[in-house]
């Protein structure tokens, strides 16, 4: 048979477990929000990268015969 001390210990353990679960749920929620923000940022970076690639390809297409970007001095030198 369980004594009053045993019941109090079980209640204390139950409270501790409930506290841990609540903390873990909060942490998971915060991590989920952080992950969602990172995913949004990653999508933005990918789009910017694609825009830069398109712009670079257009710039190369405008310079006939140019295969690489040349580091030249401006004409006023």
PDB file of N, CA and C in Angstrom:
ATOM      1  N   UNK A   1       0.831  -1.170   0.000  1.00  0.00           N
ATOM      2  CA  UNK A   1       0.000   0.000   0.000  1.00  0.00           C
ATOM      3  C   UNK A   1       0.888   1.251   0.000  1.00  0.00           C
ATOM      4  N   UNK A   2       0.409   2.274  -0.702  1.00  0.00           N
ATOM      5  CA  UNK A   2       1.186   3.509  -0.811  1.00  0.00           C
ATOM      6  C   UNK A   2       0.955   4.382   0.413  1.00  0.00           C
ATOM      7  N   UNK A   3       2.044   4.930   0.860  1.00  0.00           N
ATOM      8  CA  UNK A   3       1.959   5.842   1.997  1.00  0.00           C
ATOM      9  C   UNK A   3       1.729   7.257   1.486  1.00  0.00           C
ATOM     10  N   UNK A   4       1.464   8.139   2.390  1.00  0.00           N
ATOM     11  CA  UNK A   4       1.246   9.539   2.018  1.00  0.00           C
ATOM     12  C   UNK A   4       2.512  10.138   1.410  1.00  0.00           C
ATOM     13  N   UNK A   5       3.655   9.723   1.899  1.00  0.00           N
ATOM     14  CA  UNK A   5       4.940  10.192   1.364  1.00  0.00           C
ATOM     15  C   UNK A   5       5.117   9.735  -0.088  1.00  0.00           C
ATOM     16  N   UNK A   6       4.736   8.492  -0.369  1.00  0.00           N
ATOM     17  CA  UNK A   6       4.834   7.978  -1.734  1.00  0.00           C
ATOM     18  C   UNK A   6       3.936   8.772  -2.688  1.00  0.00           C
ATOM     19  N   UNK A   7       2.745   9.081  -2.237  1.00  0.00           N
ATOM     20  CA  UNK A   7       1.805   9.855  -3.058  1.00  0.00           C
ATOM     21  C   UNK A   7       2.349  11.254  -3.306  1.00  0.00           C
ATOM     22  N   UNK A   8       2.906  11.864  -2.296  1.00  0.00           N
ATOM     23  CA  UNK A   8       3.481  13.212  -2.443  1.00  0.00           C
ATOM     24  C   UNK A   8       4.651  13.183  -3.422  1.00  0.00           C
ATOM     25  N   UNK A   9       5.482  12.142  -3.356  1.00  0.00           N
ATOM     26  CA  UNK A   9       6.605  12.016  -4.288  1.00  0.00           C
ATOM     27  C   UNK A   9       6.103  11.849  -5.722  1.00  0.00           C
ATOM     28  N   UNK A  10       5.080  11.032  -5.908  1.00  0.00           N
ATOM     29  CA  UNK A  10       4.511  10.845  -7.238  1.00  0.00           C
ATOM     30  C   UNK A  10       3.898  12.140  -7.771  1.00  0.00           C
ATOM     31  N   UNK A  11       3.234  12.880  -6.898  1.00  0.00           N
ATOM     32  CA  UNK A  11       2.665  14.166  -7.312  1.00  0.00           C
ATOM     33  C   UNK A  11       3.770  15.144  -7.709  1.00  0.00           C
ATOM     34  N   UNK A  12       4.841  15.150  -6.942  1.00  0.00           N
ATOM     35  CA  UNK A  12       5.971  16.032  -7.256  1.00  0.00           C
ATOM     36  C   UNK A  12       6.592  15.648  -8.604  1.00  0.00           C
ATOM     37  N   UNK A  13       6.725  14.349  -8.843  1.00  0.00           N
ATOM     38  CA  UNK A  13       7.264  13.877 -10.121  1.00  0.00           C
ATOM     39  C   UNK A  13       6.338  14.253 -11.268  1.00  0.00           C
ATOM     40  N   UNK A  14       5.046  14.127 -11.052  1.00  0.00           N
ATOM     41  CA  UNK A  14       4.074  14.486 -12.076  1.00  0.00           C
ATOM     42  C   UNK A  14       4.158  15.968 -12.415  1.00  0.00           C
ATOM     43  N   UNK A  15       4.251  16.794 -11.400  1.00  0.00           N
ATOM     44  CA  UNK A  15       4.380  18.241 -11.610  1.00  0.00           C
ATOM     45  C   UNK A  15       5.662  18.542 -12.384  1.00  0.00           C
ATOM     46  N   UNK A  16       6.755  17.866 -12.021  1.00  0.00           N
ATOM     47  CA  UNK A  16       8.037  18.072 -12.712  1.00  0.00           C
ATOM     48  C   UNK A  16       7.913  17.675 -14.183  1.00  0.00           C
ATOM     49  N   UNK A  17       7.298  16.548 -14.452  1.00  0.00           N
ATOM     50  CA  UNK A  17       7.121  16.101 -15.834  1.00  0.00           C
ATOM     51  C   UNK A  17       6.228  17.057 -16.625  1.00  0.00           C
ATOM     52  N   UNK A  18       5.176  17.550 -16.004  1.00  0.00           N
ATOM     53  CA  UNK A  18       4.302  18.507 -16.677  1.00  0.00           C
ATOM     54  C   UNK A  18       5.045  19.803 -16.989  1.00  0.00           C
ATOM     55  N   UNK A  19       5.889  20.216 -16.070  1.00  0.00           N
ATOM     56  CA  UNK A  19       6.699  21.424 -16.284  1.00  0.00           C
ATOM     57  C   UNK A  19       7.660  21.221 -17.456  1.00  0.00           C
ATOM     58  N   UNK A  20       8.299  20.064 -17.497  1.00  0.00           N
ATOM     59  CA  UNK A  20       9.231  19.765 -18.586  1.00  0.00           C
ATOM     60  C   UNK A  20       8.517  19.721 -19.932  1.00  0.00           C
ATOM     61  N   UNK A  21       7.359  19.111 -19.979  1.00  0.00           N
ATOM     62  CA  UNK A  21       6.590  19.033 -21.230  1.00  0.00           C
ATOM     63  C   UNK A  21       6.190  20.431 -21.688  1.00  0.00           C
ATOM     64  N   UNK A  22       5.747  21.269 -20.770  1.00  0.00           N
ATOM     65  CA  UNK A  22       5.361  22.634 -21.124  1.00  0.00           C
ATOM     66  C   UNK A  22       6.562  23.398 -21.679  1.00  0.00           C
ATOM     67  N   UNK A  23       7.711  23.244 -21.039  1.00  0.00           N
ATOM     68  CA  UNK A  23       8.922  23.913 -21.516  1.00  0.00           C
ATOM     69  C   UNK A  23       9.311  23.402 -22.903  1.00  0.00           C
ATOM     70  N   UNK A  24       9.224  22.104 -23.118  1.00  0.00           N
ATOM     71  CA  UNK A  24       9.564  21.536 -24.421  1.00  0.00           C
ATOM     72  C   UNK A  24       8.603  22.010 -25.503  1.00  0.00           C
ATOM     73  N   UNK A  25       7.333  22.107 -25.182  1.00  0.00           N
ATOM     74  CA  UNK A  25       6.365  22.615 -26.159  1.00  0.00           C
ATOM     75  C   UNK A  25       6.681  24.059 -26.534  1.00  0.00           C
ATOM     76  N   UNK A  26       7.049  24.858 -25.552  1.00  0.00           N
ATOM     77  CA  UNK A  26       7.424  26.250 -25.817  1.00  0.00           C
ATOM     78  C   UNK A  26       8.666  26.305 -26.703  1.00  0.00           C
ATOM     79  N   UNK A  27       9.654  25.495 -26.358  1.00  0.00           N
ATOM     80  CA  UNK A  27      10.898  25.467 -27.131  1.00  0.00           C
ATOM     81  C   UNK A  27      10.639  25.018 -28.564  1.00  0.00           C
ATOM     82  N   UNK A  28       9.832  24.001 -28.747  1.00  0.00           N
ATOM     83  CA  UNK A  28       9.513  23.521 -30.095  1.00  0.00           C
ATOM     84  C   UNK A  28       8.803  24.609 -30.899  1.00  0.00           C
ATOM     85  N   UNK A  29       7.902  25.333 -30.261  1.00  0.00           N
ATOM     86  CA  UNK A  29       7.221  26.434 -30.934  1.00  0.00           C
ATOM     87  C   UNK A  29       8.190  27.521 -31.375  1.00  0.00           C
ATOM     88  N   UNK A  30       9.126  27.873 -30.509  1.00  0.00           N
ATOM     89  CA  UNK A  30      10.126  28.894 -30.846  1.00  0.00           C
ATOM     90  C   UNK A  30      11.039  28.413 -31.972  1.00  0.00           C
ATOM     91  N   UNK A  31      11.444  27.152 -31.906  1.00  0.00           N
ATOM     92  CA  UNK A  31      12.285  26.598 -32.965  1.00  0.00           C
ATOM     93  C   UNK A  31      11.536  26.563 -34.293  1.00  0.00           C
ATOM     94  N   UNK A  32      10.263  26.251 -34.256  1.00  0.00           N
ATOM     95  CA  UNK A  32       9.455  26.221 -35.464  1.00  0.00           C
ATOM     96  C   UNK A  32       9.377  27.612 -36.093  1.00  0.00           C
ATOM     97  N   UNK A  33       9.190  28.632 -35.268  1.00  0.00           N
ATOM     98  CA  UNK A  33       9.150  30.003 -35.777  1.00  0.00           C
ATOM     99  C   UNK A  33      10.489  30.391 -36.391  1.00  0.00           C
ATOM    100  N   UNK A  34      11.581  30.046 -35.723  1.00  0.00           N
ATOM    101  CA  UNK A  34      12.908  30.368 -36.236  1.00  0.00           C
ATOM    102  C   UNK A  34      13.155  29.657 -37.568  1.00  0.00           C
ATOM    103  N   UNK A  35      12.759  28.408 -37.655  1.00  0.00           N
ATOM    104  CA  UNK A  35      12.936  27.652 -38.888  1.00  0.00           C
ATOM    105  C   UNK A  35      12.106  28.247 -40.019  1.00  0.00           C
ATOM    106  N   UNK A  36      10.897  28.667 -39.722  1.00  0.00           N
ATOM    107  CA  UNK A  36      10.046  29.282 -40.740  1.00  0.00           C
ATOM    108  C   UNK A  36      10.671  30.579 -41.254  1.00  0.00           C
ATOM    109  N   UNK A  37      11.229  31.378 -40.357  1.00  0.00           N
ATOM    110  CA  UNK A  37      11.896  32.619 -40.774  1.00  0.00           C
ATOM    111  C   UNK A  37      13.134  32.331 -41.623  1.00  0.00           C
ATOM    112  N   UNK A  38      13.896  31.317 -41.230  1.00  0.00           N
ATOM    113  CA  UNK A  38      15.081  30.954 -42.006  1.00  0.00           C
ATOM    114  C   UNK A  38      14.687  30.465 -43.396  1.00  0.00           C
ATOM    115  N   UNK A  39      13.615  29.717 -43.484  1.00  0.00           N
ATOM    116  CA  UNK A  39      13.150  29.234 -44.784  1.00  0.00           C
ATOM    117  C   UNK A  39      12.741  30.404 -45.667  1.00  0.00           C
ATOM    118  N   UNK A  40      12.057  31.374 -45.079  1.00  0.00           N
ATOM    119  CA  UNK A  40      11.661  32.568 -45.835  1.00  0.00           C
ATOM    120  C   UNK A  40      12.892  33.323 -46.324  1.00  0.00           C
ATOM    121  N   UNK A  41      13.877  33.487 -45.443  1.00  0.00           N
ATOM    122  CA  UNK A  41      15.113  34.171 -45.824  1.00  0.00           C
ATOM    123  C   UNK A  41      15.848  33.402 -46.915  1.00  0.00           C
ATOM    124  N   UNK A  42      15.887  32.094 -46.807  1.00  0.00           N
ATOM    125  CA  UNK A  42      16.560  31.271 -47.812  1.00  0.00           C
ATOM    126  C   UNK A  42      15.886  31.408 -49.167  1.00  0.00           C
ATOM    127  N   UNK A  43      14.580  31.427 -49.192  1.00  0.00           N
ATOM    128  CA  UNK A  43      13.856  31.607 -50.450  1.00  0.00           C
ATOM    129  C   UNK A  43      14.179  32.966 -51.061  1.00  0.00           C
ATOM    130  N   UNK A  44      14.270  34.010 -50.217  1.00  0.00           N
ATOM    131  CA  UNK A  44      14.611  35.342 -50.709  1.00  0.00           C
ATOM    132  C   UNK A  44      16.018  35.345 -51.299  1.00  0.00           C
ATOM    133  N   UNK A  45      16.966  34.717 -50.611  1.00  0.00           N
ATOM    134  CA  UNK A  45      18.350  34.656 -51.092  1.00  0.00           C
ATOM    135  C   UNK A  45      18.412  33.898 -52.418  1.00  0.00           C
ATOM    136  N   UNK A  46      17.692  32.797 -52.519  1.00  0.00           N
ATOM    137  CA  UNK A  46      17.668  32.040 -53.773  1.00  0.00           C
ATOM    138  C   UNK A  46      17.134  32.897 -54.916  1.00  0.00           C
ATOM    139  N   UNK A  47      16.075  33.645 -54.654  1.00  0.00           N
ATOM    140  CA  UNK A  47      15.501  34.511 -55.699  1.00  0.00           C
ATOM    141  C   UNK A  47      16.495  35.591 -56.101  1.00  0.00           C
ATOM    142  N   UNK A  48      17.165  36.188 -55.136  1.00  0.00           N
ATOM    143  CA  UNK A  48      18.163  37.207 -55.455  1.00  0.00           C
ATOM    144  C   UNK A  48      19.293  36.606 -56.285  1.00  0.00           C
ATOM    145  N   UNK A  49      19.712  35.401 -55.949  1.00  0.00           N
ATOM    146  CA  UNK A  49      20.761  34.709 -56.690  1.00  0.00           C
ATOM    147  C   UNK A  49      20.325  34.493 -58.138  1.00  0.00           C
ATOM    148  N   UNK A  50      19.090  34.050 -58.323  1.00  0.00           N
ATOM    149  CA  UNK A  50      18.591  33.824 -59.679  1.00  0.00           C
ATOM    150  C   UNK A  50      18.537  35.134 -60.470  1.00  0.00           C
ATOM    151  N   UNK A  51      18.104  36.208 -59.817  1.00  0.00           N
ATOM    152  CA  UNK A  51      18.079  37.505 -60.496  1.00  0.00           C
ATOM    153  C   UNK A  51      19.486  37.945 -60.900  1.00  0.00           C
ATOM    154  N   UNK A  52      20.467  37.732 -60.022  1.00  0.00           N
ATOM    155  CA  UNK A  52      21.849  38.093 -60.348  1.00  0.00           C
ATOM    156  C   UNK A  52      22.383  37.243 -61.500  1.00  0.00           C
ATOM    157  N   UNK A  53      22.053  35.966 -61.488  1.00  0.00           N
ATOM    158  CA  UNK A  53      22.493  35.089 -62.592  1.00  0.00           C
ATOM    159  C   UNK A  53      21.893  35.545 -63.910  1.00  0.00           C
ATOM    160  N   UNK A  54      20.609  35.910 -63.890  1.00  0.00           N
ATOM    161  CA  UNK A  54      19.962  36.388 -65.108  1.00  0.00           C
ATOM    162  C   UNK A  54      20.601  37.687 -65.582  1.00  0.00           C
ATOM    163  N   UNK A  55      20.854  38.594 -64.647  1.00  0.00           N
ATOM    164  CA  UNK A  55      21.475  39.869 -64.998  1.00  0.00           C
ATOM    165  C   UNK A  55      22.872  39.651 -65.572  1.00  0.00           C
ATOM    166  N   UNK A  56      23.624  38.771 -64.976  1.00  0.00           N
ATOM    167  CA  UNK A  56      24.969  38.467 -65.468  1.00  0.00           C
ATOM    168  C   UNK A  56      24.906  37.860 -66.862  1.00  0.00           C
ATOM    169  N   UNK A  57      23.980  36.942 -67.074  1.00  0.00           N
ATOM    170  CA  UNK A  57      23.835  36.325 -68.393  1.00  0.00           C
ATOM    171  C   UNK A  57      23.451  37.372 -69.431  1.00  0.00           C
ATOM    172  N   UNK A  58      22.573  38.294 -69.051  1.00  0.00           N
ATOM    173  CA  UNK A  58      22.191  39.367 -69.976  1.00  0.00           C
ATOM    174  C   UNK A  58      23.370  40.270 -70.300  1.00  0.00           C
ATOM    175  N   UNK A  59      24.188  40.553 -69.300  1.00  0.00           N
ATOM    176  CA  UNK A  59      25.353  41.402 -69.520  1.00  0.00           C
ATOM    177  C   UNK A  59      26.348  40.713 -70.445  1.00  0.00           C
ATOM    178  N   UNK A  60      26.530  39.427 -70.293  1.00  0.00           N
ATOM    179  CA  UNK A  60      27.445  38.702 -71.170  1.00  0.00           C
ATOM    180  C   UNK A  60      26.902  38.653 -72.582  1.00  0.00           C
ATOM    181  N   UNK A  61      25.598  38.545 -72.707  1.00  0.00           N
ATOM    182  CA  UNK A  61      24.979  38.501 -74.023  1.00  0.00           C
ATOM    183  C   UNK A  61      25.066  39.824 -74.752  1.00  0.00           C
ATOM    184  N   UNK A  62      25.197  40.924 -74.046  1.00  0.00           N
ATOM    185  CA  UNK A  62      25.272  42.241 -74.663  1.00  0.00           C
ATOM    186  C   UNK A  62      26.670  42.562 -75.174  1.00  0.00           C
ATOM    187  N   UNK A  63      27.668  41.847 -74.691  1.00  0.00           N
ATOM    188  CA  UNK A  63      29.042  42.092 -75.125  1.00  0.00           C
ATOM    189  C   UNK A  63      29.430  40.996 -76.120  1.00  0.00           C
ATOM    190  N   UNK A  64      29.318  41.272 -77.424  1.00  0.00           N
ATOM    191  CA  UNK A  64      29.621  40.233 -78.418  1.00  0.00           C
ATOM    192  C   UNK A  64      31.070  39.772 -78.336  1.00  0.00           C
ATOM    193  N   UNK A  65      31.260  38.474 -78.327  1.00  0.00           N
ATOM    194  CA  UNK A  65      32.596  37.898 -78.302  1.00  0.00           C
ATOM    195  C   UNK A  65      33.237  37.887 -76.928  1.00  0.00           C
ATOM    196  N   UNK A  66      32.607  38.482 -75.953  1.00  0.00           N
ATOM    197  CA  UNK A  66      33.179  38.506 -74.598  1.00  0.00           C
ATOM    198  C   UNK A  66      32.844  37.198 -73.903  1.00  0.00           C
ATOM    199  N   UNK A  67      33.881  36.528 -73.418  1.00  0.00           N
ATOM    200  CA  UNK A  67      33.655  35.265 -72.714  1.00  0.00           C
ATOM    201  C   UNK A  67      33.920  35.406 -71.224  1.00  0.00           C
ATOM    202  N   UNK A  68      34.613  36.452 -70.828  1.00  0.00           N
ATOM    203  CA  UNK A  68      34.900  36.641 -69.411  1.00  0.00           C
ATOM    204  C   UNK A  68      34.903  38.126 -69.107  1.00  0.00           C
ATOM    205  N   UNK A  69      34.668  38.471 -67.890  1.00  0.00           N
ATOM    206  CA  UNK A  69      34.710  39.859 -67.466  1.00  0.00           C
ATOM    207  C   UNK A  69      36.164  40.263 -67.339  1.00  0.00           C
ATOM    208  N   UNK A  70      36.525  41.368 -68.024  1.00  0.00           N
ATOM    209  CA  UNK A  70      37.910  41.836 -68.024  1.00  0.00           C
ATOM    210  C   UNK A  70      38.018  43.027 -67.095  1.00  0.00           C
ATOM    211  N   UNK A  71      39.050  43.045 -66.291  1.00  0.00           N
ATOM    212  CA  UNK A  71      39.284  44.136 -65.367  1.00  0.00           C
ATOM    213  C   UNK A  71      40.114  45.180 -66.106  1.00  0.00           C
ATOM    214  N   UNK A  72      39.428  46.139 -66.702  1.00  0.00           N
ATOM    215  CA  UNK A  72      40.117  47.163 -67.489  1.00  0.00           C
ATOM    216  C   UNK A  72      40.017  48.503 -66.785  1.00  0.00           C
ATOM    217  N   UNK A  73      40.996  49.368 -67.108  1.00  0.00           N
ATOM    218  CA  UNK A  73      40.948  50.719 -66.571  1.00  0.00           C
ATOM    219  C   UNK A  73      39.886  51.513 -67.348  1.00  0.00           C
ATOM    220  N   UNK A  74      39.200  52.416 -66.663  1.00  0.00           N
ATOM    221  CA  UNK A  74      38.235  53.263 -67.355  1.00  0.00           C
ATOM    222  C   UNK A  74      38.928  54.134 -68.388  1.00  0.00           C
ATOM    223  N   UNK A  75      38.225  54.600 -69.428  1.00  0.00           N
ATOM    224  CA  UNK A  75      38.841  55.376 -70.513  1.00  0.00           C
ATOM    225  C   UNK A  75      39.501  56.680 -70.073  1.00  0.00           C
ATOM    226  N   UNK A  76      39.116  57.263 -68.972  1.00  0.00           N
ATOM    227  CA  UNK A  76      39.691  58.555 -68.569  1.00  0.00           C
ATOM    228  C   UNK A  76      41.066  58.416 -67.946  1.00  0.00           C
ATOM    229  N   UNK A  77      41.620  57.197 -67.830  1.00  0.00           N
ATOM    230  CA  UNK A  77      42.970  57.055 -67.273  1.00  0.00           C
ATOM    231  C   UNK A  77      43.995  57.243 -68.347  1.00  0.00           C
TER     232      UNK A  77
END
